[in-house]
C-alpha cells in the first residue's frame, strides 16, 4: 500500500529528524497547544536532553522558554506535534527563562530541579 508507506516515511521523519521537530507544536493531553519547540539541547554524551519549548507571548514578544526534558514529551504517529502531560496553568509555574538569557542547562543543580518539575508524575500535577 503506497499510502501506508508514505505515512510511515513521514512519521519517522517527524519523530526523528531534528529539522522536522523544531517548530512543531507541543500540546497537552486535552489537545490544547501549549507552545512550540524552538530548539533541542544535547547532554554531555550527545544524547537529546531537552526540547526548548516557547510559550506565551505574541509575535515573539513576551515569550517564555522552558527546557522540557525530552523524556517528558511523547510523539504521536500521524501528527505533527508532541504531547506533554501538563495543563496550561501548571506550565505557567514551570521553570522558565527569557529567549536571550538561557540558564546553564548542564548545571546539575538547575537540571535536577527542572527535571523534578516536569517529571514529577501526573499525581503532582493535579
PDB file of N, CA and C in Angstrom:
ATOM      1  N   UNK A   1       0.855  -1.187   0.000  1.00  0.00           N
ATOM      2  CA  UNK A   1       0.000   0.000   0.000  1.00  0.00           C
ATOM      3  C   UNK A   1       0.892   1.238   0.000  1.00  0.00           C
ATOM      4  N   UNK A   2       0.809   1.993  -1.064  1.00  0.00           N
ATOM      5  CA  UNK A   2       1.673   3.162  -1.245  1.00  0.00           C
ATOM      6  C   UNK A   2       1.366   4.261  -0.225  1.00  0.00           C
ATOM      7  N   UNK A   3       0.080   4.462   0.099  1.00  0.00           N
ATOM      8  CA  UNK A   3      -0.298   5.497   1.075  1.00  0.00           C
ATOM      9  C   UNK A   3       0.249   5.171   2.459  1.00  0.00           C
ATOM     10  N   UNK A   4       0.187   3.909   2.848  1.00  0.00           N
ATOM     11  CA  UNK A   4       0.715   3.500   4.157  1.00  0.00           C
ATOM     12  C   UNK A   4       2.219   3.689   4.212  1.00  0.00           C
ATOM     13  N   UNK A   5       2.911   3.378   3.105  1.00  0.00           N
ATOM     14  CA  UNK A   5       4.358   3.568   3.046  1.00  0.00           C
ATOM     15  C   UNK A   5       4.743   5.020   3.170  1.00  0.00           C
ATOM     16  N   UNK A   6       3.974   5.901   2.520  1.00  0.00           N
ATOM     17  CA  UNK A   6       4.247   7.338   2.604  1.00  0.00           C
ATOM     18  C   UNK A   6       4.012   7.844   4.017  1.00  0.00           C
ATOM     19  N   UNK A   7       2.941   7.352   4.659  1.00  0.00           N
ATOM     20  CA  UNK A   7       2.640   7.758   6.034  1.00  0.00           C
ATOM     21  C   UNK A   7       3.760   7.332   6.985  1.00  0.00           C
ATOM     22  N   UNK A   8       4.250   6.107   6.836  1.00  0.00           N
ATOM     23  CA  UNK A   8       5.346   5.618   7.681  1.00  0.00           C
ATOM     24  C   UNK A   8       6.598   6.455   7.453  1.00  0.00           C
ATOM     25  N   UNK A   9       6.866   6.814   6.208  1.00  0.00           N
ATOM     26  CA  UNK A   9       8.020   7.648   5.871  1.00  0.00           C
ATOM     27  C   UNK A   9       7.907   9.006   6.549  1.00  0.00           C
ATOM     28  N   UNK A  10       6.723   9.601   6.497  1.00  0.00           N
ATOM     29  CA  UNK A  10       6.512  10.902   7.134  1.00  0.00           C
ATOM     30  C   UNK A  10       6.617  10.788   8.647  1.00  0.00           C
ATOM     31  N   UNK A  11       6.080   9.700   9.229  1.00  0.00           N
ATOM     32  CA  UNK A  11       6.142   9.514  10.681  1.00  0.00           C
ATOM     33  C   UNK A  11       7.575   9.451  11.178  1.00  0.00           C
ATOM     34  N   UNK A  12       8.431   8.656  10.543  1.00  0.00           N
ATOM     35  CA  UNK A  12       9.793   8.547  11.056  1.00  0.00           C
ATOM     36  C   UNK A  12      10.491   9.888  10.985  1.00  0.00           C
ATOM     37  N   UNK A  13      10.191  10.677   9.937  1.00  0.00           N
ATOM     38  CA  UNK A  13      10.833  11.976   9.827  1.00  0.00           C
ATOM     39  C   UNK A  13      10.352  12.928  10.919  1.00  0.00           C
ATOM     40  N   UNK A  14       9.057  12.947  11.185  1.00  0.00           N
ATOM     41  CA  UNK A  14       8.509  13.824  12.236  1.00  0.00           C
ATOM     42  C   UNK A  14       9.033  13.446  13.608  1.00  0.00           C
ATOM     43  N   UNK A  15       9.303  12.169  13.809  1.00  0.00           N
ATOM     44  CA  UNK A  15       9.719  11.682  15.118  1.00  0.00           C
ATOM     45  C   UNK A  15      11.224  11.819  15.338  1.00  0.00           C
ATOM     46  N   UNK A  16      12.035  11.636  14.296  1.00  0.00           N
ATOM     47  CA  UNK A  16      13.481  11.540  14.495  1.00  0.00           C
ATOM     48  C   UNK A  16      14.328  12.637  13.869  1.00  0.00           C
ATOM     49  N   UNK A  17      13.833  13.384  12.920  1.00  0.00           N
ATOM     50  CA  UNK A  17      14.644  14.429  12.292  1.00  0.00           C
ATOM     51  C   UNK A  17      14.492  15.741  13.058  1.00  0.00           C
ATOM     52  N   UNK A  18      15.584  16.245  13.589  1.00  0.00           N
ATOM     53  CA  UNK A  18      15.550  17.472  14.383  1.00  0.00           C
ATOM     54  C   UNK A  18      14.961  18.630  13.580  1.00  0.00           C
ATOM     55  N   UNK A  19      15.280  18.707  12.295  1.00  0.00           N
ATOM     56  CA  UNK A  19      14.748  19.809  11.483  1.00  0.00           C
ATOM     57  C   UNK A  19      13.227  19.753  11.371  1.00  0.00           C
ATOM     58  N   UNK A  20      12.647  18.568  11.527  1.00  0.00           N
ATOM     59  CA  UNK A  20      11.181  18.428  11.498  1.00  0.00           C
ATOM     60  C   UNK A  20      10.584  18.653  12.887  1.00  0.00           C
ATOM     61  N   UNK A  21      11.369  18.421  13.922  1.00  0.00           N
ATOM     62  CA  UNK A  21      10.896  18.590  15.302  1.00  0.00           C
ATOM     63  C   UNK A  21      10.864  20.070  15.673  1.00  0.00           C
ATOM     64  N   UNK A  22      11.923  20.808  15.322  1.00  0.00           N
ATOM     65  CA  UNK A  22      11.976  22.233  15.635  1.00  0.00           C
ATOM     66  C   UNK A  22      10.856  22.942  14.884  1.00  0.00           C
ATOM     67  N   UNK A  23      10.088  23.713  15.617  1.00  0.00           N
ATOM     68  CA  UNK A  23       8.946  24.418  15.041  1.00  0.00           C
ATOM     69  C   UNK A  23       7.632  23.684  15.232  1.00  0.00           C
ATOM     70  N   UNK A  24       7.693  22.412  15.652  1.00  0.00           N
ATOM     71  CA  UNK A  24       6.449  21.674  15.834  1.00  0.00           C
ATOM     72  C   UNK A  24       5.750  22.095  17.125  1.00  0.00           C
ATOM     73  N   UNK A  25       4.449  21.895  17.135  1.00  0.00           N
ATOM     74  CA  UNK A  25       3.630  22.249  18.299  1.00  0.00           C
ATOM     75  C   UNK A  25       3.854  21.268  19.437  1.00  0.00           C
ATOM     76  N   UNK A  26       3.613  21.766  20.656  1.00  0.00           N
ATOM     77  CA  UNK A  26       3.532  20.927  21.848  1.00  0.00           C
ATOM     78  C   UNK A  26       2.113  21.107  22.363  1.00  0.00           C
ATOM     79  N   UNK A  27       1.433  19.994  22.560  1.00  0.00           N
ATOM     80  CA  UNK A  27       0.051  20.018  23.037  1.00  0.00           C
ATOM     81  C   UNK A  27      -0.042  19.239  24.336  1.00  0.00           C
ATOM     82  N   UNK A  28      -1.037  19.592  25.159  1.00  0.00           N
ATOM     83  CA  UNK A  28      -1.259  18.828  26.381  1.00  0.00           C
ATOM     84  C   UNK A  28      -2.202  17.665  26.089  1.00  0.00           C
ATOM     85  N   UNK A  29      -2.546  16.887  27.109  1.00  0.00           N
ATOM     86  CA  UNK A  29      -3.398  15.722  26.908  1.00  0.00           C
ATOM     87  C   UNK A  29      -4.801  16.091  26.432  1.00  0.00           C
ATOM     88  N   UNK A  30      -5.222  17.332  26.686  1.00  0.00           N
ATOM     89  CA  UNK A  30      -6.531  17.797  26.235  1.00  0.00           C
ATOM     90  C   UNK A  30      -6.491  18.265  24.775  1.00  0.00           C
ATOM     91  N   UNK A  31      -5.317  18.232  24.160  1.00  0.00           N
ATOM     92  CA  UNK A  31      -5.179  18.641  22.770  1.00  0.00           C
ATOM     93  C   UNK A  31      -4.948  20.127  22.591  1.00  0.00           C
ATOM     94  N   UNK A  32      -4.818  20.867  23.702  1.00  0.00           N
ATOM     95  CA  UNK A  32      -4.585  22.314  23.625  1.00  0.00           C
ATOM     96  C   UNK A  32      -3.115  22.580  23.315  1.00  0.00           C
ATOM     97  N   UNK A  33      -2.868  23.514  22.411  1.00  0.00           N
ATOM     98  CA  UNK A  33      -1.488  23.900  22.134  1.00  0.00           C
ATOM     99  C   UNK A  33      -0.957  24.683  23.322  1.00  0.00           C
ATOM    100  N   UNK A  34       0.192  24.254  23.846  1.00  0.00           N
ATOM    101  CA  UNK A  34       0.808  24.948  24.976  1.00  0.00           C
ATOM    102  C   UNK A  34       2.098  25.654  24.570  1.00  0.00           C
ATOM    103  N   UNK A  35       2.597  25.374  23.380  1.00  0.00           N
ATOM    104  CA  UNK A  35       3.812  26.030  22.914  1.00  0.00           C
ATOM    105  C   UNK A  35       4.333  25.368  21.665  1.00  0.00           C
ATOM    106  N   UNK A  36       5.558  25.726  21.308  1.00  0.00           N
ATOM    107  CA  UNK A  36       6.193  25.081  20.168  1.00  0.00           C
ATOM    108  C   UNK A  36       7.682  24.913  20.434  1.00  0.00           C
ATOM    109  N   UNK A  37       8.254  23.916  19.813  1.00  0.00           N
ATOM    110  CA  UNK A  37       9.656  23.576  20.035  1.00  0.00           C
ATOM    111  C   UNK A  37      10.542  24.529  19.243  1.00  0.00           C
ATOM    112  N   UNK A  38      11.418  25.234  19.968  1.00  0.00           N
ATOM    113  CA  UNK A  38      12.326  26.201  19.356  1.00  0.00           C
ATOM    114  C   UNK A  38      13.740  25.660  19.186  1.00  0.00           C
ATOM    115  N   UNK A  39      14.117  24.694  20.015  1.00  0.00           N
ATOM    116  CA  UNK A  39      15.487  24.199  19.967  1.00  0.00           C
ATOM    117  C   UNK A  39      15.533  22.835  20.633  1.00  0.00           C
ATOM    118  N   UNK A  40      16.645  22.143  20.447  1.00  0.00           N
ATOM    119  CA  UNK A  40      16.894  20.851  21.070  1.00  0.00           C
ATOM    120  C   UNK A  40      18.273  20.946  21.716  1.00  0.00           C
ATOM    121  N   UNK A  41      18.388  20.475  22.959  1.00  0.00           N
ATOM    122  CA  UNK A  41      19.637  20.559  23.712  1.00  0.00           C
ATOM    123  C   UNK A  41      20.166  19.145  23.960  1.00  0.00           C
ATOM    124  N   UNK A  42      21.449  18.958  23.700  1.00  0.00           N
ATOM    125  CA  UNK A  42      22.098  17.673  23.933  1.00  0.00           C
ATOM    126  C   UNK A  42      22.772  17.666  25.296  1.00  0.00           C
ATOM    127  N   UNK A  43      22.950  16.460  25.846  1.00  0.00           N
ATOM    128  CA  UNK A  43      23.715  16.350  27.088  1.00  0.00           C
ATOM    129  C   UNK A  43      25.194  16.168  26.738  1.00  0.00           C
ATOM    130  N   UNK A  44      26.020  15.941  27.735  1.00  0.00           N
ATOM    131  CA  UNK A  44      27.467  15.832  27.502  1.00  0.00           C
ATOM    132  C   UNK A  44      27.856  14.606  26.676  1.00  0.00           C
ATOM    133  N   UNK A  45      26.975  13.618  26.628  1.00  0.00           N
ATOM    134  CA  UNK A  45      27.241  12.423  25.835  1.00  0.00           C
ATOM    135  C   UNK A  45      26.686  12.539  24.408  1.00  0.00           C
ATOM    136  N   UNK A  46      26.043  13.660  24.091  1.00  0.00           N
ATOM    137  CA  UNK A  46      25.495  13.860  22.764  1.00  0.00           C
ATOM    138  C   UNK A  46      24.085  13.336  22.580  1.00  0.00           C
ATOM    139  N   UNK A  47      23.445  12.938  23.664  1.00  0.00           N
ATOM    140  CA  UNK A  47      22.060  12.458  23.597  1.00  0.00           C
ATOM    141  C   UNK A  47      21.116  13.641  23.821  1.00  0.00           C
ATOM    142  N   UNK A  48      19.921  13.564  23.229  1.00  0.00           N
ATOM    143  CA  UNK A  48      18.955  14.646  23.404  1.00  0.00           C
ATOM    144  C   UNK A  48      18.530  14.693  24.863  1.00  0.00           C
ATOM    145  N   UNK A  49      18.670  15.847  25.469  1.00  0.00           N
ATOM    146  CA  UNK A  49      18.331  16.036  26.870  1.00  0.00           C
ATOM    147  C   UNK A  49      17.041  16.836  27.026  1.00  0.00           C
ATOM    148  N   UNK A  50      16.924  17.942  26.291  1.00  0.00           N
ATOM    149  CA  UNK A  50      15.773  18.832  26.417  1.00  0.00           C
ATOM    150  C   UNK A  50      15.254  19.284  25.057  1.00  0.00           C
ATOM    151  N   UNK A  51      13.967  19.567  25.034  1.00  0.00           N
ATOM    152  CA  UNK A  51      13.368  20.334  23.949  1.00  0.00           C
ATOM    153  C   UNK A  51      13.075  21.693  24.564  1.00  0.00           C
ATOM    154  N   UNK A  52      13.523  22.752  23.940  1.00  0.00           N
ATOM    155  CA  UNK A  52      13.245  24.085  24.441  1.00  0.00           C
ATOM    156  C   UNK A  52      11.914  24.520  23.830  1.00  0.00           C
ATOM    157  N   UNK A  53      10.921  24.683  24.712  1.00  0.00           N
ATOM    158  CA  UNK A  53       9.554  24.991  24.286  1.00  0.00           C
ATOM    159  C   UNK A  53       9.246  26.447  24.605  1.00  0.00           C
ATOM    160  N   UNK A  54       8.791  27.167  23.605  1.00  0.00           N
ATOM    161  CA  UNK A  54       8.402  28.572  23.758  1.00  0.00           C
ATOM    162  C   UNK A  54       6.908  28.628  24.038  1.00  0.00           C
ATOM    163  N   UNK A  55       6.539  29.392  25.068  1.00  0.00           N
ATOM    164  CA  UNK A  55       5.129  29.530  25.429  1.00  0.00           C
ATOM    165  C   UNK A  55       4.775  30.999  25.584  1.00  0.00           C
ATOM    166  N   UNK A  56       3.491  31.275  25.473  1.00  0.00           N
ATOM    167  CA  UNK A  56       3.002  32.637  25.698  1.00  0.00           C
ATOM    168  C   UNK A  56       3.502  33.595  24.649  1.00  0.00           C
ATOM    169  N   UNK A  57       3.309  34.841  24.939  1.00  0.00           N
ATOM    170  CA  UNK A  57       3.796  35.879  24.037  1.00  0.00           C
ATOM    171  C   UNK A  57       2.953  36.026  22.791  1.00  0.00           C
ATOM    172  N   UNK A  58       3.266  37.071  22.058  1.00  0.00           N
ATOM    173  CA  UNK A  58       2.571  37.365  20.805  1.00  0.00           C
ATOM    174  C   UNK A  58       3.574  37.965  19.850  1.00  0.00           C
ATOM    175  N   UNK A  59       3.697  37.380  18.680  1.00  0.00           N
ATOM    176  CA  UNK A  59       4.659  37.838  17.672  1.00  0.00           C
ATOM    177  C   UNK A  59       6.080  37.939  18.235  1.00  0.00           C
ATOM    178  N   UNK A  60       6.430  36.958  19.065  1.00  0.00           N
ATOM    179  CA  UNK A  60       7.782  36.900  19.612  1.00  0.00           C
ATOM    180  C   UNK A  60       8.018  37.753  20.848  1.00  0.00           C
ATOM    181  N   UNK A  61       7.031  38.534  21.260  1.00  0.00           N
ATOM    182  CA  UNK A  61       7.189  39.380  22.445  1.00  0.00           C
ATOM    183  C   UNK A  61       6.559  38.687  23.650  1.00  0.00           C
ATOM    184  N   UNK A  62       7.271  38.679  24.770  1.00  0.00           N
ATOM    185  CA  UNK A  62       6.739  38.097  25.999  1.00  0.00           C
ATOM    186  C   UNK A  62       6.835  36.582  26.059  1.00  0.00           C
ATOM    187  N   UNK A  63       7.554  35.977  25.119  1.00  0.00           N
ATOM    188  CA  UNK A  63       7.723  34.523  25.141  1.00  0.00           C
ATOM    189  C   UNK A  63       8.516  34.101  26.360  1.00  0.00           C
ATOM    190  N   UNK A  64       8.172  32.939  26.894  1.00  0.00           N
ATOM    191  CA  UNK A  64       8.960  32.299  27.941  1.00  0.00           C
ATOM    192  C   UNK A  64       9.453  30.987  27.365  1.00  0.00           C
ATOM    193  N   UNK A  65      10.656  30.628  27.730  1.00  0.00           N
ATOM    194  CA  UNK A  65      11.248  29.391  27.252  1.00  0.00           C
ATOM    195  C   UNK A  65      11.299  28.397  28.404  1.00  0.00           C
ATOM    196  N   UNK A  66      11.043  27.144  28.085  1.00  0.00           N
ATOM    197  CA  UNK A  66      11.076  26.069  29.076  1.00  0.00           C
ATOM    198  C   UNK A  66      11.940  24.948  28.527  1.00  0.00           C
ATOM    199  N   UNK A  67      12.888  24.477  29.327  1.00  0.00           N
ATOM    200  CA  UNK A  67      13.705  23.330  28.940  1.00  0.00           C
ATOM    201  C   UNK A  67      12.968  22.081  29.405  1.00  0.00           C
ATOM    202  N   UNK A  68      12.154  21.529  28.517  1.00  0.00           N
ATOM    203  CA  UNK A  68      11.340  20.363  28.849  1.00  0.00           C
ATOM    204  C   UNK A  68      12.176  19.105  28.624  1.00  0.00           C
ATOM    205  N   UNK A  69      12.308  18.264  29.652  1.00  0.00           N
ATOM    206  CA  UNK A  69      13.069  17.025  29.450  1.00  0.00           C
ATOM    207  C   UNK A  69      12.497  16.234  28.267  1.00  0.00           C
ATOM    208  N   UNK A  70      13.384  15.779  27.418  1.00  0.00           N
ATOM    209  CA  UNK A  70      12.963  15.039  26.233  1.00  0.00           C
ATOM    210  C   UNK A  70      12.069  13.863  26.616  1.00  0.00           C
ATOM    211  N   UNK A  71      12.386  13.222  27.745  1.00  0.00           N
ATOM    212  CA  UNK A  71      11.623  12.056  28.197  1.00  0.00           C
ATOM    213  C   UNK A  71      10.187  12.400  28.582  1.00  0.00           C
ATOM    214  N   UNK A  72       9.895  13.685  28.803  1.00  0.00           N
ATOM    215  CA  UNK A  72       8.536  14.099  29.188  1.00  0.00           C
ATOM    216  C   UNK A  72       7.637  14.338  27.972  1.00  0.00           C
ATOM    217  N   UNK A  73       8.218  14.322  26.779  1.00  0.00           N
ATOM    218  CA  UNK A  73       7.458  14.543  25.545  1.00  0.00           C
ATOM    219  C   UNK A  73       7.209  13.220  24.837  1.00  0.00           C
ATOM    220  N   UNK A  74       6.005  13.098  24.282  1.00  0.00           N
ATOM    221  CA  UNK A  74       5.670  11.897  23.503  1.00  0.00           C
ATOM    222  C   UNK A  74       5.355  12.294  22.069  1.00  0.00           C
ATOM    223  N   UNK A  75       5.833  11.506  21.130  1.00  0.00           N
ATOM    224  CA  UNK A  75       5.462  11.731  19.736  1.00  0.00           C
ATOM    225  C   UNK A  75       4.142  11.013  19.472  1.00  0.00           C
ATOM    226  N   UNK A  76       3.416  11.495  18.484  1.00  0.00           N
ATOM    227  CA  UNK A  76       2.128  10.929  18.126  1.00  0.00           C
ATOM    228  C   UNK A  76       2.174  10.550  16.647  1.00  0.00           C
ATOM    229  N   UNK A  77       2.160   9.256  16.338  1.00  0.00           N
ATOM    230  CA  UNK A  77       2.194   8.851  14.932  1.00  0.00           C
ATOM    231  C   UNK A  77       1.073   9.520  14.134  1.00  0.00           C
ATOM    232  N   UNK A  78       1.427  10.013  12.971  1.00  0.00           N
ATOM    233  CA  UNK A  78       0.439  10.648  12.103  1.00  0.00           C
ATOM    234  C   UNK A  78       0.139  12.094  12.453  1.00  0.00           C
ATOM    235  N   UNK A  79       0.796  12.633  13.460  1.00  0.00           N
ATOM    236  CA  UNK A  79       0.561  14.021  13.888  1.00  0.00           C
ATOM    237  C   UNK A  79       1.859  14.811  13.863  1.00  0.00           C
ATOM    238  N   UNK A  80       1.736  16.115  13.642  1.00  0.00           N
ATOM    239  CA  UNK A  80       2.908  16.990  13.594  1.00  0.00           C
ATOM    240  C   UNK A  80       3.171  17.665  14.926  1.00  0.00           C
ATOM    241  N   UNK A  81       2.792  17.039  16.031  1.00  0.00           N
ATOM    242  CA  UNK A  81       3.046  17.654  17.334  1.00  0.00           C
ATOM    243  C   UNK A  81       3.532  16.610  18.328  1.00  0.00           C
ATOM    244  N   UNK A  82       4.018  17.094  19.454  1.00  0.00           N
ATOM    245  CA  UNK A  82       4.427  16.252  20.574  1.00  0.00           C
ATOM    246  C   UNK A  82       3.462  16.528  21.720  1.00  0.00           C
ATOM    247  N   UNK A  83       3.351  15.571  22.627  1.00  0.00           N
ATOM    248  CA  UNK A  83       2.427  15.701  23.754  1.00  0.00           C
ATOM    249  C   UNK A  83       3.215  15.808  25.051  1.00  0.00           C
ATOM    250  N   UNK A  84       2.815  16.776  25.880  1.00  0.00           N
ATOM    251  CA  UNK A  84       3.381  16.991  27.203  1.00  0.00           C
ATOM    252  C   UNK A  84       2.233  16.917  28.197  1.00  0.00           C
ATOM    253  N   UNK A  85       2.342  16.053  29.186  1.00  0.00           N
ATOM    254  CA  UNK A  85       1.286  15.879  30.183  1.00  0.00           C
ATOM    255  C   UNK A  85       1.355  17.017  31.210  1.00  0.00           C
ATOM    256  N   UNK A  86       0.792  18.164  30.815  1.00  0.00           N
ATOM    257  CA  UNK A  86       0.774  19.329  31.701  1.00  0.00           C
ATOM    258  C   UNK A  86      -0.372  20.232  31.271  1.00  0.00           C
ATOM    259  N   UNK A  87      -1.038  20.841  32.229  1.00  0.00           N
ATOM    260  CA  UNK A  87      -2.089  21.787  31.839  1.00  0.00           C
ATOM    261  C   UNK A  87      -1.493  23.193  31.767  1.00  0.00           C
ATOM    262  N   UNK A  88      -2.226  24.077  31.135  1.00  0.00           N
ATOM    263  CA  UNK A  88      -1.700  25.426  30.888  1.00  0.00           C
ATOM    264  C   UNK A  88      -1.367  26.169  32.178  1.00  0.00           C
ATOM    265  N   UNK A  89      -2.171  25.998  33.213  1.00  0.00           N
ATOM    266  CA  UNK A  89      -1.909  26.696  34.478  1.00  0.00           C
ATOM    267  C   UNK A  89      -0.630  26.197  35.135  1.00  0.00           C
ATOM    268  N   UNK A  90      -0.420  24.902  35.127  1.00  0.00           N
ATOM    269  CA  UNK A  90       0.818  24.354  35.717  1.00  0.00           C
ATOM    270  C   UNK A  90       2.032  24.805  34.911  1.00  0.00           C
ATOM    271  N   UNK A  91       1.894  24.870  33.595  1.00  0.00           N
ATOM    272  CA  UNK A  91       3.009  25.298  32.763  1.00  0.00           C
ATOM    273  C   UNK A  91       3.431  26.733  33.092  1.00  0.00           C
ATOM    274  N   UNK A  92       2.478  27.568  33.500  1.00  0.00           N
ATOM    275  CA  UNK A  92       2.825  28.941  33.887  1.00  0.00           C
ATOM    276  C   UNK A  92       3.749  28.965  35.098  1.00  0.00           C
ATOM    277  N   UNK A  93       3.720  27.904  35.918  1.00  0.00           N
ATOM    278  CA  UNK A  93       4.562  27.813  37.121  1.00  0.00           C
ATOM    279  C   UNK A  93       5.894  27.120  36.841  1.00  0.00           C
ATOM    280  N   UNK A  94       6.057  26.596  35.641  1.00  0.00           N
ATOM    281  CA  UNK A  94       7.258  25.827  35.299  1.00  0.00           C
ATOM    282  C   UNK A  94       8.497  26.715  35.268  1.00  0.00           C
ATOM    283  N   UNK A  95       9.653  26.129  35.577  1.00  0.00           N
ATOM    284  CA  UNK A  95      10.897  26.885  35.429  1.00  0.00           C
ATOM    285  C   UNK A  95      10.988  27.418  34.004  1.00  0.00           C
ATOM    286  N   UNK A  96      11.368  28.678  33.878  1.00  0.00           N
ATOM    287  CA  UNK A  96      11.431  29.271  32.551  1.00  0.00           C
ATOM    288  C   UNK A  96      12.564  30.288  32.494  1.00  0.00           C
ATOM    289  N   UNK A  97      12.808  30.764  31.292  1.00  0.00           N
ATOM    290  CA  UNK A  97      13.844  31.770  31.087  1.00  0.00           C
ATOM    291  C   UNK A  97      13.483  32.577  29.862  1.00  0.00           C
ATOM    292  N   UNK A  98      14.116  33.721  29.731  1.00  0.00           N
ATOM    293  CA  UNK A  98      13.879  34.583  28.580  1.00  0.00           C
ATOM    294  C   UNK A  98      14.686  34.067  27.399  1.00  0.00           C
ATOM    295  N   UNK A  99      14.199  34.297  26.178  1.00  0.00           N
ATOM    296  CA  UNK A  99      14.886  33.766  24.999  1.00  0.00           C
ATOM    297  C   UNK A  99      16.353  34.162  24.877  1.00  0.00           C
ATOM    298  N   UNK A 100      16.741  35.293  25.430  1.00  0.00           N
ATOM    299  CA  UNK A 100      18.140  35.726  25.320  1.00  0.00           C
ATOM    300  C   UNK A 100      18.928  35.552  26.624  1.00  0.00           C
ATOM    301  N   UNK A 101      18.353  34.827  27.598  1.00  0.00           N
ATOM    302  CA  UNK A 101      19.028  34.638  28.889  1.00  0.00           C
ATOM    303  C   UNK A 101      18.901  33.188  29.342  1.00  0.00           C
ATOM    304  N   UNK A 102      19.537  32.309  28.611  1.00  0.00           N
ATOM    305  CA  UNK A 102      19.463  30.886  28.908  1.00  0.00           C
ATOM    306  C   UNK A 102      20.239  30.539  30.179  1.00  0.00           C
ATOM    307  N   UNK A 103      19.695  29.632  30.982  1.00  0.00           N
ATOM    308  CA  UNK A 103      20.464  29.110  32.120  1.00  0.00           C
ATOM    309  C   UNK A 103      21.466  28.083  31.606  1.00  0.00           C
ATOM    310  N   UNK A 104      22.405  27.713  32.446  1.00  0.00           N
ATOM    311  CA  UNK A 104      23.335  26.645  32.097  1.00  0.00           C
ATOM    312  C   UNK A 104      22.595  25.325  32.321  1.00  0.00           C
ATOM    313  N   UNK A 105      22.003  24.785  31.268  1.00  0.00           N
ATOM    314  CA  UNK A 105      21.146  23.611  31.415  1.00  0.00           C
ATOM    315  C   UNK A 105      21.906  22.325  31.734  1.00  0.00           C
ATOM    316  N   UNK A 106      23.235  22.343  31.661  1.00  0.00           N
ATOM    317  CA  UNK A 106      24.007  21.170  32.079  1.00  0.00           C
ATOM    318  C   UNK A 106      24.463  21.281  33.531  1.00  0.00           C
ATOM    319  N   UNK A 107      24.157  22.401  34.197  1.00  0.00           N
ATOM    320  CA  UNK A 107      24.445  22.533  35.623  1.00  0.00           C
ATOM    321  C   UNK A 107      23.553  21.551  36.376  1.00  0.00           C
ATOM    322  N   UNK A 108      24.153  20.693  37.179  1.00  0.00           N
ATOM    323  CA  UNK A 108      23.406  19.621  37.844  1.00  0.00           C
ATOM    324  C   UNK A 108      22.312  20.140  38.772  1.00  0.00           C
ATOM    325  N   UNK A 109      22.562  21.215  39.506  1.00  0.00           N
ATOM    326  CA  UNK A 109      21.539  21.765  40.400  1.00  0.00           C
ATOM    327  C   UNK A 109      20.334  22.264  39.634  1.00  0.00           C
ATOM    328  N   UNK A 110      20.580  23.058  38.602  1.00  0.00           N
ATOM    329  CA  UNK A 110      19.473  23.583  37.795  1.00  0.00           C
ATOM    330  C   UNK A 110      18.729  22.438  37.110  1.00  0.00           C
ATOM    331  N   UNK A 111      19.480  21.536  36.500  1.00  0.00           N
ATOM    332  CA  UNK A 111      18.893  20.433  35.749  1.00  0.00           C
ATOM    333  C   UNK A 111      18.023  19.548  36.630  1.00  0.00           C
ATOM    334  N   UNK A 112      18.489  19.251  37.816  1.00  0.00           N
ATOM    335  CA  UNK A 112      17.749  18.386  38.729  1.00  0.00           C
ATOM    336  C   UNK A 112      16.405  19.009  39.130  1.00  0.00           C
ATOM    337  N   UNK A 113      16.416  20.278  39.500  1.00  0.00           N
ATOM    338  CA  UNK A 113      15.174  20.960  39.884  1.00  0.00           C
ATOM    339  C   UNK A 113      14.212  21.050  38.695  1.00  0.00           C
ATOM    340  N   UNK A 114      14.749  21.340  37.530  1.00  0.00           N
ATOM    341  CA  UNK A 114      13.922  21.450  36.330  1.00  0.00           C
ATOM    342  C   UNK A 114      13.270  20.102  35.999  1.00  0.00           C
ATOM    343  N   UNK A 115      14.056  19.044  36.024  1.00  0.00           N
ATOM    344  CA  UNK A 115      13.514  17.711  35.721  1.00  0.00           C
ATOM    345  C   UNK A 115      12.449  17.293  36.734  1.00  0.00           C
ATOM    346  N   UNK A 116      12.665  17.576  38.002  1.00  0.00           N
ATOM    347  CA  UNK A 116      11.662  17.232  39.023  1.00  0.00           C
ATOM    348  C   UNK A 116      10.325  17.879  38.711  1.00  0.00           C
ATOM    349  N   UNK A 117      10.341  19.114  38.235  1.00  0.00           N
ATOM    350  CA  UNK A 117       9.081  19.794  37.926  1.00  0.00           C
ATOM    351  C   UNK A 117       8.330  19.062  36.815  1.00  0.00           C
ATOM    352  N   UNK A 118       9.013  18.754  35.729  1.00  0.00           N
ATOM    353  CA  UNK A 118       8.346  18.174  34.570  1.00  0.00           C
ATOM    354  C   UNK A 118       8.104  16.678  34.678  1.00  0.00           C
ATOM    355  N   UNK A 119       8.935  15.968  35.442  1.00  0.00           N
ATOM    356  CA  UNK A 119       8.816  14.527  35.518  1.00  0.00           C
ATOM    357  C   UNK A 119       8.298  14.058  36.875  1.00  0.00           C
ATOM    358  N   UNK A 120       7.670  14.976  37.614  1.00  0.00           N
ATOM    359  CA  UNK A 120       7.212  14.655  38.960  1.00  0.00           C
ATOM    360  C   UNK A 120       6.074  13.686  39.041  1.00  0.00           C
ATOM    361  N   UNK A 121       5.490  13.336  37.932  1.00  0.00           N
ATOM    362  CA  UNK A 121       4.362  12.395  37.954  1.00  0.00           C
ATOM    363  C   UNK A 121       3.046  13.153  37.873  1.00  0.00           C
ATOM    364  N   UNK A 122       2.084  12.568  37.223  1.00  0.00           N
ATOM    365  CA  UNK A 122       0.812  13.240  36.981  1.00  0.00           C
ATOM    366  C   UNK A 122       0.042  13.523  38.270  1.00  0.00           C
ATOM    367  N   UNK A 123       0.267  12.746  39.343  1.00  0.00           N
ATOM    368  CA  UNK A 123      -0.461  12.996  40.573  1.00  0.00           C
ATOM    369  C   UNK A 123      -0.071  14.337  41.183  1.00  0.00           C
ATOM    370  N   UNK A 124       1.186  14.776  40.973  1.00  0.00           N
ATOM    371  CA  UNK A 124       1.616  16.067  41.487  1.00  0.00           C
ATOM    372  C   UNK A 124       1.072  17.216  40.645  1.00  0.00           C
ATOM    373  N   UNK A 125       0.649  16.919  39.447  1.00  0.00           N
ATOM    374  CA  UNK A 125       0.225  17.968  38.522  1.00  0.00           C
ATOM    375  C   UNK A 125      -1.238  18.344  38.694  1.00  0.00           C
ATOM    376  N   UNK A 126      -1.960  17.620  39.499  1.00  0.00           N
ATOM    377  CA  UNK A 126      -3.405  17.898  39.619  1.00  0.00           C
ATOM    378  C   UNK A 126      -3.695  18.889  40.696  1.00  0.00           C
TER     379      UNK A 126
END
